C-alpha atoms as a PDB file:
ATOM      1  CA  MET A   1      -0.171   0.079  -0.049  1.00  0.00           C
ATOM      2  CA  SER A   2       0.776   3.437  -0.839  1.00  0.00           C
ATOM      3  CA  ILE A   3       0.190   7.186  -0.059  1.00  0.00           C
ATOM      4  CA  ASP A   4       0.258   9.746  -2.030  1.00  0.00           C
ATOM      5  CA  LYS A   5       1.148  13.776  -1.742  1.00  0.00           C
ATOM      6  CA  GLN A   6      -2.089  14.485  -1.709  1.00  0.00           C
ATOM      7  CA  ASP A   7      -2.900  12.559   1.405  1.00  0.00           C
ATOM      8  CA  VAL A   8       0.817  13.773   2.672  1.00  0.00           C
ATOM      9  CA  GLN A   9      -1.212  16.836   2.777  1.00  0.00           C
ATOM     10  CA  LYS A  10      -3.968  16.252   3.787  1.00  0.00           C
ATOM     11  CA  ILE A  11      -2.669  14.739   6.582  1.00  0.00           C
ATOM     12  CA  ALA A  12      -0.565  18.034   7.402  1.00  0.00           C
ATOM     13  CA  HIS A  13      -3.352  19.799   7.406  1.00  0.00           C
ATOM     14  CA  LEU A  14      -4.927  18.401   9.815  1.00  0.00           C
ATOM     15  CA  ALA A  15      -2.115  17.979  12.006  1.00  0.00           C
ATOM     16  CA  ARG A  16      -1.678  21.842  11.613  1.00  0.00           C
ATOM     17  CA  LEU A  17       1.661  21.509  10.322  1.00  0.00           C
ATOM     18  CA  ALA A  18       3.706  23.088   7.444  1.00  0.00           C
ATOM     19  CA  LEU A  19       5.004  21.024   5.086  1.00  0.00           C
ATOM     20  CA  THR A  20       7.241  22.334   2.234  1.00  0.00           C
ATOM     21  CA  GLU A  21       7.361  20.292  -1.157  1.00  0.00           C
ATOM     22  CA  GLU A  22      10.200  18.657   0.425  1.00  0.00           C
ATOM     23  CA  ASP A  23       8.870  17.315   3.082  1.00  0.00           C
ATOM     24  CA  ALA A  24       5.999  16.023   1.629  1.00  0.00           C
ATOM     25  CA  ASP A  25       8.209  13.425  -0.604  1.00  0.00           C
ATOM     26  CA  GLN A  26      10.334  12.851   2.257  1.00  0.00           C
ATOM     27  CA  TYR A  27       7.221  12.022   4.619  1.00  0.00           C
ATOM     28  CA  GLN A  28       5.205  10.292   1.387  1.00  0.00           C
ATOM     29  CA  HIS A  29       8.183   7.764   0.906  1.00  0.00           C
ATOM     30  CA  SER A  30       8.129   7.149   4.948  1.00  0.00           C
ATOM     31  CA  LEU A  31       4.492   6.296   5.312  1.00  0.00           C
ATOM     32  CA  SER A  32       4.751   4.306   2.228  1.00  0.00           C
ATOM     33  CA  SER A  33       6.979   2.633   3.739  1.00  0.00           C
ATOM     34  CA  VAL A  34       5.359   1.936   6.521  1.00  0.00           C
ATOM     35  CA  LEU A  35       1.988   1.492   5.576  1.00  0.00           C
ATOM     36  CA  THR A  36       4.143  -1.764   3.069  1.00  0.00           C
ATOM     37  CA  LEU A  37       5.717  -3.239   6.949  1.00  0.00           C
ATOM     38  CA  VAL A  38       2.498  -3.525   7.958  1.00  0.00           C
ATOM     39  CA  GLU A  39       0.491  -5.233   4.935  1.00  0.00           C
ATOM     40  CA  GLN A  40       2.991  -7.844   5.011  1.00  0.00           C
ATOM     41  CA  MET A  41       2.787  -8.268   8.837  1.00  0.00           C
ATOM     42  CA  GLN A  42      -1.070  -8.817   8.399  1.00  0.00           C
ATOM     43  CA  SER A  43      -0.443 -10.876   5.941  1.00  0.00           C
ATOM     44  CA  VAL A  44       1.630 -13.673   8.211  1.00  0.00           C
ATOM     45  CA  ASN A  45      -0.640 -15.987   9.676  1.00  0.00           C
ATOM     46  CA  THR A  46      -1.551 -15.716  13.431  1.00  0.00           C
ATOM     47  CA  GLU A  47      -3.261 -18.429  13.630  1.00  0.00           C
ATOM     48  CA  GLY A  48      -2.399 -20.217  16.915  1.00  0.00           C
ATOM     49  CA  VAL A  49      -0.532 -17.809  17.914  1.00  0.00           C
ATOM     50  CA  GLU A  50      -0.565 -16.754  22.322  1.00  0.00           C
ATOM     51  CA  PRO A  51      -1.076 -13.185  22.802  1.00  0.00           C
ATOM     52  CA  LEU A  52       2.397 -12.416  24.673  1.00  0.00           C
ATOM     53  CA  SER A  53       2.725  -9.365  27.375  1.00  0.00           C
ATOM     54  CA  ASN A  54       6.410 -10.003  27.850  1.00  0.00           C
ATOM     55  CA  PRO A  55       8.793 -11.989  25.493  1.00  0.00           C
ATOM     56  CA  LEU A  56      10.597 -13.184  28.025  1.00  0.00           C
ATOM     57  CA  GLU A  57       7.903 -14.963  29.914  1.00  0.00           C
ATOM     58  CA  MET A  58       8.821 -13.274  33.182  1.00  0.00           C
ATOM     59  CA  THR A  59       6.572 -12.309  36.168  1.00  0.00           C
ATOM     60  CA  GLN A  60       6.096  -8.674  36.438  1.00  0.00           C
ATOM     61  CA  ARG A  61       6.547  -7.133  39.963  1.00  0.00           C
ATOM     62  CA  LEU A  62       3.652  -5.377  40.711  1.00  0.00           C
ATOM     63  CA  ARG A  63       3.301  -2.530  43.769  1.00  0.00           C
ATOM     64  CA  GLU A  64       0.517  -2.747  46.278  1.00  0.00           C
ATOM     65  CA  ASP A  65      -2.358  -0.545  44.574  1.00  0.00           C
ATOM     66  CA  LYS A  66      -3.020   1.729  47.547  1.00  0.00           C
ATOM     67  CA  VAL A  67      -3.779   5.783  47.474  1.00  0.00           C
ATOM     68  CA  THR A  68      -0.470   7.493  48.630  1.00  0.00           C
ATOM     69  CA  GLU A  69      -1.225  10.590  48.043  1.00  0.00           C
ATOM     70  CA  GLY A  70      -4.611  12.822  49.049  1.00  0.00           C
ATOM     71  CA  ASN A  71      -7.195  14.137  46.834  1.00  0.00           C
ATOM     72  CA  ARG A  72      -5.421  17.693  46.160  1.00  0.00           C
ATOM     73  CA  ARG A  73      -8.038  18.555  43.185  1.00  0.00           C
ATOM     74  CA  ASP A  74      -8.817  21.870  44.722  1.00  0.00           C
ATOM     75  CA  GLU A  75      -5.640  23.242  44.926  1.00  0.00           C
ATOM     76  CA  PHE A  76      -5.026  22.517  41.017  1.00  0.00           C
ATOM     77  CA  LEU A  77      -8.360  24.279  40.169  1.00  0.00           C
ATOM     78  CA  ALA A  78      -7.387  26.802  41.865  1.00  0.00           C
ATOM     79  CA  ASN A  79      -4.210  28.068  39.502  1.00  0.00           C
ATOM     80  CA  ALA A  80      -6.347  27.522  36.399  1.00  0.00           C
ATOM     81  CA  PRO A  81      -7.430  30.259  34.851  1.00  0.00           C
ATOM     82  CA  GLN A  82     -11.278  29.232  33.826  1.00  0.00           C
ATOM     83  CA  THR A  83     -12.590  26.104  36.024  1.00  0.00           C
ATOM     84  CA  GLU A  84     -16.407  25.363  35.811  1.00  0.00           C
ATOM     85  CA  ALA A  85     -18.203  22.150  38.241  1.00  0.00           C
ATOM     86  CA  GLY A  86     -14.975  21.219  39.216  1.00  0.00           C
ATOM     87  CA  LEU A  87     -13.401  21.258  35.270  1.00  0.00           C
ATOM     88  CA  PHE A  88     -10.314  22.782  33.781  1.00  0.00           C
ATOM     89  CA  LEU A  89     -12.052  25.485  30.718  1.00  0.00           C
ATOM     90  CA  VAL A  90      -9.956  24.714  27.621  1.00  0.00           C
ATOM     91  CA  PRO A  91     -10.287  26.695  24.296  1.00  0.00           C
ATOM     92  CA  GLN A  92     -12.143  25.107  21.809  1.00  0.00           C
ATOM     93  CA  VAL A  93      -9.355  23.486  19.004  1.00  0.00           C
ATOM     94  CA  ILE A  94     -11.275  21.233  17.006  1.00  0.00           C
ATOM     95  CA  GLU A  95     -13.782  23.009  14.803  1.00  0.00           C
END
């Protein structure tokens, strides 16, 4: 699977990135390579293969699940420029 220059420019626009023509060519090649690798990986037969959480088959040491710090929400909200109902208010980013 490959991606064309128009797709790269559309992705850059959605991500609010400014790309030069040279950058767009480079990203087109890089993204096409990544998509080709993903396509190759999807073609591998994985039926009967158990998923791994750790390739070394080791048991992960976990800490005890207990609260170590109290609720400081009001302190944090006091530093915010705008809050409402215990939430931070931020400017709208997506139109």
